[in-house]
Amino acid sequence: MDFRQLRENSRRKLISLHLEFNPTLPLLEHASLRSQKEIENRALALFGVVAFSYGLSSAKANEWILQEGVSGCLTPAEKSFTQQPSDKAASLFQVQVEALWIFAWMLSRTPVLDFAVPCQNNLVALFPDPLKRETSSLWRSANRLRDEVEVAGALDLAYCIHWSFNQSRIEGRDEPDPSSLQILRERRRALEWSLGEEEWDAISLDT
C-alpha cells in the first residue's frame, strides 16, 4: 500500500475543502483490514447498543444482541450501559451512529462517504431491525467489504481533517462546530479500529 499516495490524495481533498493541511503529519505506518465477519459483528453489537440508547427497550436490545450471537463482542462500557443505563451514557452512545455510518459504508450499504455530511436518516434501514427480531443472515450475505486501500484512504483523510479542526480550535480561528468534530471523531474511531488491532475502547484519537 502506498501511504504517500494516500496522503497526497488527502492533501488534495483538504485543499478543495479549504482546510489547512499539515505536511509534517506522520503517515499511516500500517493498515491491515479486519475480516468482514469481525466488522459485521462489531457493527451489529454497536447497533444494538445505539438502538437501546435511543429508546429500544433493554429486554428487546439484549434479546436481539444475544439472538445474533454478538454479546461477546460488546465492550465493557457497552455491557455496563445495557445493564445499568444512564442518561449520560446514553448521550455518549447516541453519537456513535456516526461509527455505524462508517460500517455501513465499509460494507457497501451506502455508496458515498462525505465527512461534511452527517449520518443520514436511512441508517436504521441499513441494518436488521431489532424491533422485528430480524436476523442478520440475509444482511451478512448481501454485504460487500470495501477494498483495504479505499478504507485506509478514508482513515488518512479523517486523520488530516481531524488535525485541521483541532488546529483551528487551538488557534481560535474558524473553530468547527461541536457536531462536526463529534462526527469526525466517531467516524475516525470506526476506521482506526477496522484497520488496527486495538480494542474499541482503547482507540486513540490524538492528532
N, C-alpha and C. Protein backbone atom coordinates (compact mmCIF):
# COMPACT_ATOMS: atom_id res chain seq x y z
N MET A 1 0.85 -1.19 0.00
CA MET A 1 0.00 0.00 0.00
C MET A 1 0.89 1.25 0.00
N ASP A 2 0.58 2.18 -0.86
CA ASP A 2 1.37 3.41 -0.98
C ASP A 2 0.79 4.49 -0.06
N PHE A 3 1.34 4.58 1.15
CA PHE A 3 0.82 5.53 2.12
C PHE A 3 1.08 6.98 1.71
N ARG A 4 2.15 7.19 0.94
CA ARG A 4 2.43 8.55 0.46
C ARG A 4 1.36 9.01 -0.54
N GLN A 5 0.91 8.09 -1.35
CA GLN A 5 -0.14 8.45 -2.31
C GLN A 5 -1.46 8.72 -1.58
N LEU A 6 -1.72 7.95 -0.54
CA LEU A 6 -2.92 8.19 0.25
C LEU A 6 -2.88 9.60 0.85
N ARG A 7 -1.70 10.00 1.33
CA ARG A 7 -1.57 11.33 1.92
C ARG A 7 -1.71 12.42 0.86
N GLU A 8 -1.20 12.17 -0.32
CA GLU A 8 -1.35 13.15 -1.40
C GLU A 8 -2.83 13.32 -1.75
N ASN A 9 -3.55 12.21 -1.77
CA ASN A 9 -4.99 12.29 -2.03
C ASN A 9 -5.69 13.10 -0.95
N SER A 10 -5.26 12.90 0.31
CA SER A 10 -5.85 13.65 1.42
C SER A 10 -5.53 15.13 1.30
N ARG A 11 -4.29 15.43 0.90
CA ARG A 11 -3.88 16.83 0.74
C ARG A 11 -4.77 17.54 -0.28
N ARG A 12 -4.99 16.89 -1.38
CA ARG A 12 -5.83 17.49 -2.43
C ARG A 12 -7.26 17.71 -1.94
N LYS A 13 -7.75 16.76 -1.18
CA LYS A 13 -9.12 16.88 -0.67
C LYS A 13 -9.23 18.03 0.32
N LEU A 14 -8.24 18.17 1.21
CA LEU A 14 -8.27 19.27 2.18
C LEU A 14 -8.22 20.62 1.47
N ILE A 15 -7.41 20.72 0.43
CA ILE A 15 -7.33 21.97 -0.33
C ILE A 15 -8.69 22.29 -0.94
N SER A 16 -9.37 21.27 -1.47
CA SER A 16 -10.68 21.51 -2.08
C SER A 16 -11.72 21.92 -1.05
N LEU A 17 -11.49 21.52 0.21
CA LEU A 17 -12.41 21.87 1.30
C LEU A 17 -12.00 23.16 2.01
N HIS A 18 -10.90 23.76 1.54
CA HIS A 18 -10.37 25.00 2.14
C HIS A 18 -9.98 24.80 3.60
N LEU A 19 -9.39 23.62 3.87
CA LEU A 19 -8.91 23.30 5.20
C LEU A 19 -7.39 23.28 5.20
N GLU A 20 -6.81 23.62 6.36
CA GLU A 20 -5.35 23.65 6.47
C GLU A 20 -4.80 22.23 6.43
N PHE A 21 -3.72 22.06 5.70
CA PHE A 21 -3.05 20.76 5.58
C PHE A 21 -1.70 20.84 6.27
N ASN A 22 -1.38 19.83 7.06
CA ASN A 22 -0.09 19.78 7.76
C ASN A 22 0.82 18.77 7.08
N PRO A 23 1.85 19.23 6.35
CA PRO A 23 2.73 18.31 5.63
C PRO A 23 3.62 17.48 6.55
N THR A 24 3.68 17.82 7.83
CA THR A 24 4.55 17.09 8.76
C THR A 24 3.81 15.99 9.52
N LEU A 25 2.51 15.86 9.31
CA LEU A 25 1.78 14.79 9.98
C LEU A 25 2.36 13.43 9.56
N PRO A 26 2.60 12.55 10.52
CA PRO A 26 3.14 11.23 10.16
C PRO A 26 2.17 10.45 9.28
N LEU A 27 2.74 9.69 8.36
CA LEU A 27 1.93 8.83 7.50
C LEU A 27 1.42 7.64 8.30
N LEU A 28 0.37 7.00 7.81
CA LEU A 28 -0.03 5.73 8.40
C LEU A 28 1.15 4.77 8.28
N GLU A 29 1.40 4.01 9.32
CA GLU A 29 2.54 3.10 9.30
C GLU A 29 2.15 1.71 8.82
N HIS A 30 0.94 1.33 9.09
CA HIS A 30 0.45 0.03 8.64
C HIS A 30 -1.06 0.08 8.59
N ALA A 31 -1.62 -0.81 7.83
CA ALA A 31 -3.07 -0.89 7.73
C ALA A 31 -3.45 -2.30 7.31
N SER A 32 -4.07 -3.00 8.22
CA SER A 32 -4.50 -4.36 7.93
C SER A 32 -5.98 -4.47 8.27
N LEU A 33 -6.81 -4.53 7.26
CA LEU A 33 -8.25 -4.51 7.44
C LEU A 33 -8.73 -5.79 8.11
N ARG A 34 -9.53 -5.62 9.15
CA ARG A 34 -10.11 -6.78 9.82
C ARG A 34 -11.03 -7.52 8.86
N SER A 35 -11.36 -8.75 9.22
CA SER A 35 -12.22 -9.56 8.35
C SER A 35 -13.63 -8.99 8.30
N GLN A 36 -14.34 -9.35 7.26
CA GLN A 36 -15.72 -8.89 7.12
C GLN A 36 -16.56 -9.34 8.31
N LYS A 37 -16.35 -10.56 8.78
CA LYS A 37 -17.13 -11.05 9.92
C LYS A 37 -16.86 -10.24 11.18
N GLU A 38 -15.59 -9.90 11.43
CA GLU A 38 -15.26 -9.08 12.60
C GLU A 38 -15.96 -7.73 12.54
N ILE A 39 -15.92 -7.13 11.36
CA ILE A 39 -16.53 -5.81 11.19
C ILE A 39 -18.04 -5.90 11.33
N GLU A 40 -18.63 -6.93 10.77
CA GLU A 40 -20.08 -7.12 10.90
C GLU A 40 -20.48 -7.32 12.36
N ASN A 41 -19.72 -8.13 13.08
CA ASN A 41 -20.03 -8.39 14.48
C ASN A 41 -19.95 -7.11 15.32
N ARG A 42 -18.91 -6.32 15.08
CA ARG A 42 -18.76 -5.06 15.82
C ARG A 42 -19.92 -4.12 15.48
N ALA A 43 -20.28 -4.07 14.22
CA ALA A 43 -21.37 -3.19 13.78
C ALA A 43 -22.70 -3.61 14.40
N LEU A 44 -22.97 -4.91 14.42
CA LEU A 44 -24.24 -5.40 14.97
C LEU A 44 -24.32 -5.16 16.48
N ALA A 45 -23.22 -5.44 17.18
CA ALA A 45 -23.21 -5.22 18.62
C ALA A 45 -23.44 -3.74 18.93
N LEU A 46 -22.73 -2.88 18.21
CA LEU A 46 -22.88 -1.45 18.44
C LEU A 46 -24.28 -0.97 18.05
N PHE A 47 -24.82 -1.54 16.98
CA PHE A 47 -26.16 -1.14 16.54
C PHE A 47 -27.20 -1.44 17.64
N GLY A 48 -27.07 -2.60 18.27
CA GLY A 48 -27.99 -2.93 19.35
C GLY A 48 -27.88 -1.97 20.52
N VAL A 49 -26.65 -1.59 20.85
CA VAL A 49 -26.43 -0.66 21.96
C VAL A 49 -26.95 0.74 21.61
N VAL A 50 -26.67 1.19 20.40
CA VAL A 50 -27.14 2.51 19.98
C VAL A 50 -28.67 2.55 19.92
N ALA A 51 -29.28 1.47 19.43
CA ALA A 51 -30.74 1.41 19.40
C ALA A 51 -31.30 1.52 20.82
N PHE A 52 -30.64 0.85 21.76
CA PHE A 52 -31.06 0.93 23.16
C PHE A 52 -30.92 2.36 23.68
N SER A 53 -29.84 3.04 23.29
CA SER A 53 -29.62 4.42 23.75
C SER A 53 -30.69 5.37 23.22
N TYR A 54 -31.32 5.00 22.10
CA TYR A 54 -32.36 5.84 21.51
C TYR A 54 -33.78 5.40 21.90
N GLY A 55 -33.89 4.43 22.80
CA GLY A 55 -35.21 4.11 23.31
C GLY A 55 -35.69 2.68 23.15
N LEU A 56 -34.96 1.84 22.42
CA LEU A 56 -35.34 0.43 22.35
C LEU A 56 -35.27 -0.15 23.76
N SER A 57 -36.24 -0.96 24.13
CA SER A 57 -36.26 -1.48 25.50
C SER A 57 -35.03 -2.34 25.77
N SER A 58 -34.64 -2.39 27.02
CA SER A 58 -33.49 -3.19 27.42
C SER A 58 -33.70 -4.65 27.06
N ALA A 59 -34.91 -5.14 27.30
CA ALA A 59 -35.21 -6.55 27.01
C ALA A 59 -35.05 -6.86 25.54
N LYS A 60 -35.60 -5.99 24.67
CA LYS A 60 -35.52 -6.23 23.23
C LYS A 60 -34.09 -6.10 22.72
N ALA A 61 -33.37 -5.09 23.22
CA ALA A 61 -31.99 -4.88 22.78
C ALA A 61 -31.11 -6.06 23.16
N ASN A 62 -31.19 -6.48 24.41
CA ASN A 62 -30.35 -7.59 24.87
C ASN A 62 -30.75 -8.91 24.23
N GLU A 63 -32.04 -9.10 24.02
CA GLU A 63 -32.52 -10.32 23.37
C GLU A 63 -32.00 -10.39 21.94
N TRP A 64 -32.03 -9.26 21.23
CA TRP A 64 -31.57 -9.25 19.84
C TRP A 64 -30.06 -9.45 19.75
N ILE A 65 -29.32 -8.80 20.63
CA ILE A 65 -27.86 -8.96 20.65
C ILE A 65 -27.50 -10.42 20.92
N LEU A 66 -28.22 -11.05 21.84
CA LEU A 66 -27.99 -12.47 22.14
C LEU A 66 -28.40 -13.34 20.96
N GLN A 67 -29.52 -13.01 20.34
CA GLN A 67 -30.01 -13.75 19.17
C GLN A 67 -28.98 -13.76 18.06
N GLU A 68 -28.31 -12.62 17.86
CA GLU A 68 -27.35 -12.51 16.77
C GLU A 68 -25.96 -13.04 17.13
N GLY A 69 -25.80 -13.51 18.35
CA GLY A 69 -24.53 -14.11 18.75
C GLY A 69 -23.39 -13.13 18.88
N VAL A 70 -23.71 -11.87 19.18
CA VAL A 70 -22.64 -10.86 19.28
C VAL A 70 -22.52 -10.29 20.69
N SER A 71 -23.12 -10.94 21.66
CA SER A 71 -23.00 -10.44 23.04
C SER A 71 -21.54 -10.43 23.50
N GLY A 72 -20.76 -11.39 22.98
CA GLY A 72 -19.34 -11.44 23.34
C GLY A 72 -18.52 -10.35 22.68
N CYS A 73 -19.13 -9.62 21.74
CA CYS A 73 -18.44 -8.53 21.05
C CYS A 73 -18.67 -7.18 21.72
N LEU A 74 -19.53 -7.14 22.74
CA LEU A 74 -19.77 -5.90 23.45
C LEU A 74 -18.53 -5.51 24.25
N THR A 75 -18.24 -4.23 24.28
CA THR A 75 -17.14 -3.75 25.11
C THR A 75 -17.61 -3.69 26.56
N PRO A 76 -16.69 -3.59 27.53
CA PRO A 76 -17.10 -3.45 28.93
C PRO A 76 -18.04 -2.27 29.14
N ALA A 77 -17.78 -1.16 28.47
CA ALA A 77 -18.63 0.02 28.61
C ALA A 77 -20.02 -0.23 28.05
N GLU A 78 -20.10 -0.95 26.94
CA GLU A 78 -21.39 -1.26 26.34
C GLU A 78 -22.19 -2.22 27.22
N LYS A 79 -21.51 -3.22 27.77
CA LYS A 79 -22.18 -4.16 28.67
C LYS A 79 -22.73 -3.42 29.88
N SER A 80 -21.92 -2.55 30.45
CA SER A 80 -22.33 -1.80 31.63
C SER A 80 -23.56 -0.95 31.33
N PHE A 81 -23.56 -0.32 30.16
CA PHE A 81 -24.67 0.55 29.79
C PHE A 81 -25.97 -0.23 29.61
N THR A 82 -25.89 -1.41 28.98
CA THR A 82 -27.11 -2.19 28.75
C THR A 82 -27.65 -2.78 30.05
N GLN A 83 -26.78 -2.91 31.05
CA GLN A 83 -27.22 -3.46 32.34
C GLN A 83 -27.63 -2.36 33.32
N GLN A 84 -26.91 -1.23 33.28
CA GLN A 84 -27.21 -0.11 34.18
C GLN A 84 -27.19 1.19 33.37
N PRO A 85 -28.26 1.45 32.62
CA PRO A 85 -28.29 2.63 31.75
C PRO A 85 -28.35 3.94 32.53
N SER A 86 -27.83 4.98 31.90
CA SER A 86 -27.92 6.33 32.45
C SER A 86 -28.04 7.30 31.29
N ASP A 87 -28.59 8.47 31.57
CA ASP A 87 -28.74 9.48 30.51
C ASP A 87 -27.39 9.91 29.97
N LYS A 88 -26.41 10.03 30.85
CA LYS A 88 -25.07 10.45 30.42
C LYS A 88 -24.47 9.44 29.45
N ALA A 89 -24.56 8.16 29.82
CA ALA A 89 -24.02 7.12 28.95
C ALA A 89 -24.79 7.06 27.64
N ALA A 90 -26.11 7.23 27.72
CA ALA A 90 -26.93 7.18 26.50
C ALA A 90 -26.48 8.23 25.50
N SER A 91 -26.19 9.44 25.98
CA SER A 91 -25.76 10.51 25.08
C SER A 91 -24.43 10.19 24.43
N LEU A 92 -23.57 9.47 25.14
CA LEU A 92 -22.27 9.09 24.59
C LEU A 92 -22.42 8.04 23.49
N PHE A 93 -23.38 7.15 23.65
CA PHE A 93 -23.58 6.12 22.64
C PHE A 93 -24.40 6.62 21.46
N GLN A 94 -25.26 7.58 21.68
CA GLN A 94 -26.08 8.10 20.59
C GLN A 94 -25.23 8.69 19.47
N VAL A 95 -24.13 9.34 19.83
CA VAL A 95 -23.28 9.94 18.79
C VAL A 95 -22.56 8.89 17.96
N GLN A 96 -22.55 7.65 18.46
CA GLN A 96 -21.85 6.60 17.72
C GLN A 96 -22.64 6.09 16.52
N VAL A 97 -23.77 6.74 16.22
CA VAL A 97 -24.43 6.47 14.94
C VAL A 97 -23.46 6.78 13.81
N GLU A 98 -22.52 7.72 14.05
CA GLU A 98 -21.57 8.07 13.00
C GLU A 98 -20.58 6.94 12.75
N ALA A 99 -20.25 6.18 13.79
CA ALA A 99 -19.41 5.00 13.61
C ALA A 99 -20.19 3.95 12.81
N LEU A 100 -21.47 3.82 13.10
CA LEU A 100 -22.30 2.88 12.35
C LEU A 100 -22.41 3.27 10.88
N TRP A 101 -22.42 4.58 10.63
CA TRP A 101 -22.47 5.05 9.23
C TRP A 101 -21.21 4.62 8.48
N ILE A 102 -20.07 4.66 9.17
CA ILE A 102 -18.82 4.20 8.57
C ILE A 102 -18.90 2.71 8.26
N PHE A 103 -19.41 1.93 9.21
CA PHE A 103 -19.53 0.50 8.98
C PHE A 103 -20.47 0.21 7.81
N ALA A 104 -21.55 0.98 7.72
CA ALA A 104 -22.48 0.80 6.59
C ALA A 104 -21.77 1.08 5.27
N TRP A 105 -20.94 2.13 5.26
CA TRP A 105 -20.18 2.45 4.06
C TRP A 105 -19.15 1.36 3.76
N MET A 106 -18.45 0.89 4.78
CA MET A 106 -17.43 -0.14 4.58
C MET A 106 -18.03 -1.42 4.03
N LEU A 107 -19.26 -1.71 4.41
CA LEU A 107 -19.93 -2.93 3.95
C LEU A 107 -20.74 -2.69 2.68
N SER A 108 -20.50 -1.54 2.04
CA SER A 108 -21.13 -1.17 0.77
C SER A 108 -22.64 -1.02 0.86
N ARG A 109 -23.11 -0.62 2.05
CA ARG A 109 -24.54 -0.37 2.25
C ARG A 109 -24.92 1.04 1.83
N THR A 110 -23.93 1.91 1.78
CA THR A 110 -24.15 3.27 1.28
C THR A 110 -22.99 3.59 0.35
N PRO A 111 -23.25 4.23 -0.78
CA PRO A 111 -22.22 4.36 -1.82
C PRO A 111 -21.18 5.45 -1.60
N VAL A 112 -21.53 6.48 -0.86
CA VAL A 112 -20.64 7.64 -0.77
C VAL A 112 -20.32 7.96 0.69
N LEU A 113 -19.07 8.31 0.94
CA LEU A 113 -18.65 8.76 2.27
C LEU A 113 -18.22 10.21 2.16
N ASP A 114 -18.95 11.09 2.82
CA ASP A 114 -18.66 12.52 2.79
C ASP A 114 -18.56 12.98 4.24
N PHE A 115 -17.36 13.38 4.66
CA PHE A 115 -17.15 13.78 6.04
C PHE A 115 -17.85 15.10 6.38
N ALA A 116 -18.31 15.80 5.38
CA ALA A 116 -19.01 17.06 5.62
C ALA A 116 -20.50 16.86 5.85
N VAL A 117 -20.97 15.63 5.63
CA VAL A 117 -22.41 15.34 5.75
C VAL A 117 -22.63 14.34 6.88
N PRO A 118 -23.51 14.66 7.84
CA PRO A 118 -23.76 13.74 8.94
C PRO A 118 -24.49 12.49 8.50
N CYS A 119 -24.55 11.53 9.40
CA CYS A 119 -25.28 10.28 9.18
C CYS A 119 -26.69 10.57 8.65
N GLN A 120 -27.09 9.82 7.65
CA GLN A 120 -28.39 10.05 7.03
C GLN A 120 -29.51 9.33 7.79
N ASN A 121 -30.74 9.78 7.56
CA ASN A 121 -31.88 9.25 8.29
C ASN A 121 -32.22 7.80 7.94
N ASN A 122 -31.64 7.29 6.87
CA ASN A 122 -31.95 5.92 6.47
C ASN A 122 -31.02 4.90 7.11
N LEU A 123 -30.21 5.32 8.09
CA LEU A 123 -29.26 4.39 8.71
C LEU A 123 -29.96 3.14 9.25
N VAL A 124 -31.08 3.32 9.93
CA VAL A 124 -31.79 2.18 10.53
C VAL A 124 -32.13 1.13 9.49
N ALA A 125 -32.48 1.59 8.29
CA ALA A 125 -32.87 0.66 7.23
C ALA A 125 -31.69 -0.12 6.67
N LEU A 126 -30.47 0.28 7.02
CA LEU A 126 -29.27 -0.38 6.51
C LEU A 126 -28.82 -1.54 7.38
N PHE A 127 -29.55 -1.78 8.49
CA PHE A 127 -29.23 -2.86 9.41
C PHE A 127 -30.49 -3.67 9.68
N PRO A 128 -30.35 -4.91 10.19
CA PRO A 128 -31.53 -5.68 10.58
C PRO A 128 -32.31 -4.95 11.67
N ASP A 129 -33.62 -5.14 11.72
CA ASP A 129 -34.48 -4.42 12.66
C ASP A 129 -34.70 -5.22 13.94
N PRO A 130 -34.12 -4.76 15.07
CA PRO A 130 -34.32 -5.49 16.33
C PRO A 130 -35.79 -5.53 16.77
N LEU A 131 -36.55 -4.49 16.43
CA LEU A 131 -37.96 -4.46 16.82
C LEU A 131 -38.73 -5.62 16.20
N LYS A 132 -38.33 -5.99 14.99
CA LYS A 132 -38.99 -7.09 14.29
C LYS A 132 -38.26 -8.41 14.49
N ARG A 133 -37.22 -8.35 15.32
CA ARG A 133 -36.38 -9.52 15.60
C ARG A 133 -35.77 -10.09 14.32
N GLU A 134 -35.49 -9.21 13.38
CA GLU A 134 -34.85 -9.65 12.13
C GLU A 134 -33.46 -10.22 12.42
N THR A 135 -33.15 -11.30 11.76
CA THR A 135 -31.81 -11.87 11.90
C THR A 135 -30.88 -11.23 10.88
N SER A 136 -29.60 -11.45 11.08
CA SER A 136 -28.60 -10.81 10.22
C SER A 136 -28.13 -11.70 9.08
N SER A 137 -28.71 -12.89 8.91
CA SER A 137 -28.20 -13.83 7.91
C SER A 137 -28.25 -13.26 6.49
N LEU A 138 -29.41 -12.72 6.09
CA LEU A 138 -29.52 -12.14 4.75
C LEU A 138 -28.68 -10.87 4.65
N TRP A 139 -28.66 -10.09 5.70
CA TRP A 139 -27.86 -8.86 5.74
C TRP A 139 -26.39 -9.19 5.51
N ARG A 140 -25.89 -10.19 6.21
CA ARG A 140 -24.48 -10.58 6.06
C ARG A 140 -24.18 -11.05 4.64
N SER A 141 -25.09 -11.82 4.08
CA SER A 141 -24.84 -12.38 2.74
C SER A 141 -24.83 -11.31 1.66
N ALA A 142 -25.49 -10.17 1.93
CA ALA A 142 -25.55 -9.10 0.93
C ALA A 142 -24.44 -8.07 1.09
N ASN A 143 -23.71 -8.12 2.21
CA ASN A 143 -22.64 -7.15 2.44
C ASN A 143 -21.46 -7.41 1.51
N ARG A 144 -20.78 -6.33 1.14
CA ARG A 144 -19.56 -6.43 0.34
C ARG A 144 -18.52 -5.50 0.96
N LEU A 145 -17.50 -6.08 1.56
CA LEU A 145 -16.48 -5.28 2.24
C LEU A 145 -15.64 -4.52 1.23
N ARG A 146 -15.45 -3.24 1.49
CA ARG A 146 -14.67 -2.41 0.57
C ARG A 146 -13.19 -2.79 0.62
N ASP A 147 -12.49 -2.38 -0.41
CA ASP A 147 -11.06 -2.66 -0.53
C ASP A 147 -10.27 -1.99 0.60
N GLU A 148 -9.24 -2.66 1.06
CA GLU A 148 -8.40 -2.16 2.15
C GLU A 148 -7.80 -0.79 1.84
N VAL A 149 -7.39 -0.58 0.61
CA VAL A 149 -6.79 0.70 0.23
C VAL A 149 -7.82 1.83 0.32
N GLU A 150 -9.05 1.55 -0.09
CA GLU A 150 -10.11 2.55 -0.02
C GLU A 150 -10.41 2.94 1.43
N VAL A 151 -10.45 1.94 2.30
CA VAL A 151 -10.71 2.20 3.71
C VAL A 151 -9.55 2.96 4.34
N ALA A 152 -8.33 2.59 3.98
CA ALA A 152 -7.15 3.29 4.50
C ALA A 152 -7.13 4.74 4.02
N GLY A 153 -7.57 4.96 2.80
CA GLY A 153 -7.64 6.33 2.29
C GLY A 153 -8.63 7.17 3.08
N ALA A 154 -9.75 6.56 3.46
CA ALA A 154 -10.74 7.27 4.27
C ALA A 154 -10.17 7.59 5.65
N LEU A 155 -9.41 6.66 6.22
CA LEU A 155 -8.80 6.90 7.53
C LEU A 155 -7.77 8.03 7.46
N ASP A 156 -6.93 8.02 6.44
CA ASP A 156 -5.93 9.07 6.31
C ASP A 156 -6.58 10.44 6.17
N LEU A 157 -7.64 10.49 5.38
CA LEU A 157 -8.36 11.76 5.20
C LEU A 157 -8.99 12.22 6.52
N ALA A 158 -9.59 11.29 7.25
CA ALA A 158 -10.21 11.64 8.54
C ALA A 158 -9.15 12.17 9.51
N TYR A 159 -7.99 11.56 9.50
CA TYR A 159 -6.88 11.98 10.37
C TYR A 159 -6.44 13.41 10.04
N CYS A 160 -6.28 13.68 8.77
CA CYS A 160 -5.84 15.01 8.33
C CYS A 160 -6.90 16.08 8.64
N ILE A 161 -8.16 15.76 8.40
CA ILE A 161 -9.23 16.71 8.70
C ILE A 161 -9.32 16.95 10.21
N HIS A 162 -9.15 15.89 10.97
CA HIS A 162 -9.21 15.99 12.44
C HIS A 162 -8.11 16.95 12.94
N TRP A 163 -6.91 16.80 12.38
CA TRP A 163 -5.82 17.71 12.77
C TRP A 163 -6.20 19.15 12.42
N SER A 164 -6.73 19.36 11.25
CA SER A 164 -7.10 20.70 10.81
C SER A 164 -8.14 21.32 11.73
N PHE A 165 -9.15 20.53 12.11
CA PHE A 165 -10.19 21.01 13.02
C PHE A 165 -9.58 21.40 14.37
N ASN A 166 -8.72 20.51 14.90
CA ASN A 166 -8.12 20.78 16.21
C ASN A 166 -7.21 22.00 16.16
N GLN A 167 -6.49 22.16 15.07
CA GLN A 167 -5.59 23.30 14.93
C GLN A 167 -6.37 24.61 14.89
N SER A 168 -7.48 24.60 14.19
CA SER A 168 -8.33 25.79 14.14
C SER A 168 -8.86 26.14 15.53
N ARG A 169 -9.21 25.11 16.28
CA ARG A 169 -9.72 25.33 17.64
C ARG A 169 -8.63 25.89 18.54
N ILE A 170 -7.42 25.33 18.44
CA ILE A 170 -6.30 25.78 19.27
C ILE A 170 -5.95 27.23 18.97
N GLU A 171 -5.97 27.57 17.70
CA GLU A 171 -5.59 28.92 17.29
C GLU A 171 -6.75 29.91 17.38
N GLY A 172 -7.93 29.43 17.73
CA GLY A 172 -9.08 30.31 17.90
C GLY A 172 -9.59 30.94 16.62
N ARG A 173 -9.45 30.23 15.51
CA ARG A 173 -9.93 30.78 14.24
C ARG A 173 -10.80 29.74 13.53
N ASP A 174 -11.88 30.19 12.95
CA ASP A 174 -12.77 29.30 12.20
C ASP A 174 -13.01 27.99 12.92
N GLU A 175 -13.30 28.09 14.22
CA GLU A 175 -13.47 26.88 15.00
C GLU A 175 -14.65 26.06 14.49
N PRO A 176 -14.45 24.76 14.23
CA PRO A 176 -15.55 23.93 13.73
C PRO A 176 -16.63 23.80 14.79
N ASP A 177 -17.87 23.66 14.34
CA ASP A 177 -18.93 23.48 15.33
C ASP A 177 -18.77 22.12 16.00
N PRO A 178 -19.20 21.99 17.26
CA PRO A 178 -19.00 20.76 18.02
C PRO A 178 -19.54 19.51 17.32
N SER A 179 -20.66 19.64 16.62
CA SER A 179 -21.24 18.48 15.96
C SER A 179 -20.34 17.95 14.85
N SER A 180 -19.69 18.85 14.10
CA SER A 180 -18.79 18.41 13.03
C SER A 180 -17.60 17.66 13.59
N LEU A 181 -17.06 18.15 14.70
CA LEU A 181 -15.92 17.49 15.33
C LEU A 181 -16.34 16.14 15.90
N GLN A 182 -17.52 16.08 16.44
CA GLN A 182 -18.03 14.83 17.01
C GLN A 182 -18.23 13.79 15.91
N ILE A 183 -18.79 14.22 14.80
CA ILE A 183 -18.99 13.33 13.66
C ILE A 183 -17.66 12.74 13.21
N LEU A 184 -16.68 13.61 13.08
CA LEU A 184 -15.37 13.18 12.61
C LEU A 184 -14.72 12.20 13.58
N ARG A 185 -14.79 12.49 14.87
CA ARG A 185 -14.18 11.63 15.88
C ARG A 185 -14.77 10.22 15.85
N GLU A 186 -16.08 10.12 15.79
CA GLU A 186 -16.71 8.80 15.81
C GLU A 186 -16.45 8.02 14.53
N ARG A 187 -16.41 8.72 13.42
CA ARG A 187 -16.10 8.03 12.15
C ARG A 187 -14.64 7.57 12.13
N ARG A 188 -13.77 8.42 12.65
CA ARG A 188 -12.36 8.04 12.70
C ARG A 188 -12.17 6.85 13.63
N ARG A 189 -12.92 6.81 14.74
CA ARG A 189 -12.81 5.68 15.67
C ARG A 189 -13.08 4.36 14.94
N ALA A 190 -14.15 4.34 14.15
CA ALA A 190 -14.51 3.12 13.43
C ALA A 190 -13.44 2.73 12.41
N LEU A 191 -12.89 3.73 11.74
CA LEU A 191 -11.85 3.45 10.74
C LEU A 191 -10.56 2.97 11.40
N GLU A 192 -10.17 3.62 12.49
CA GLU A 192 -8.95 3.21 13.22
C GLU A 192 -9.09 1.76 13.71
N TRP A 193 -10.25 1.45 14.28
CA TRP A 193 -10.47 0.09 14.78
C TRP A 193 -10.42 -0.93 13.64
N SER A 194 -11.04 -0.61 12.54
CA SER A 194 -11.15 -1.56 11.42
C SER A 194 -9.81 -1.87 10.78
N LEU A 195 -8.88 -0.92 10.87
CA LEU A 195 -7.58 -1.11 10.22
C LEU A 195 -6.46 -1.38 11.23
N GLY A 196 -6.82 -1.61 12.49
CA GLY A 196 -5.80 -1.84 13.51
C GLY A 196 -6.09 -3.07 14.33
N GLU A 197 -5.44 -3.13 15.50
CA GLU A 197 -5.59 -4.28 16.38
C GLU A 197 -6.07 -3.89 17.77
N GLU A 198 -6.25 -2.59 18.02
CA GLU A 198 -6.64 -2.14 19.34
C GLU A 198 -8.11 -2.46 19.63
N GLU A 199 -8.41 -2.57 20.92
CA GLU A 199 -9.79 -2.74 21.34
C GLU A 199 -10.56 -1.44 21.10
N TRP A 200 -11.86 -1.54 20.91
CA TRP A 200 -12.70 -0.38 20.58
C TRP A 200 -12.53 0.76 21.58
N ASP A 201 -12.56 0.45 22.86
CA ASP A 201 -12.47 1.50 23.88
C ASP A 201 -11.07 2.05 24.07
N ALA A 202 -10.09 1.40 23.44
CA ALA A 202 -8.70 1.84 23.60
C ALA A 202 -8.19 2.64 22.42
N ILE A 203 -9.04 2.89 21.43
CA ILE A 203 -8.63 3.61 20.23
C ILE A 203 -8.19 5.04 20.61
N SER A 204 -7.00 5.42 20.15
CA SER A 204 -6.51 6.77 20.37
C SER A 204 -6.93 7.65 19.21
N LEU A 205 -7.47 8.83 19.56
CA LEU A 205 -7.88 9.78 18.54
C LEU A 205 -7.05 11.03 18.59
N ASP A 206 -5.80 10.88 19.03
CA ASP A 206 -4.87 12.02 19.06
C ASP A 206 -4.56 12.47 17.65
N THR A 207 -4.15 13.74 17.54
CA THR A 207 -3.70 14.25 16.23
C THR A 207 -2.31 14.83 16.38
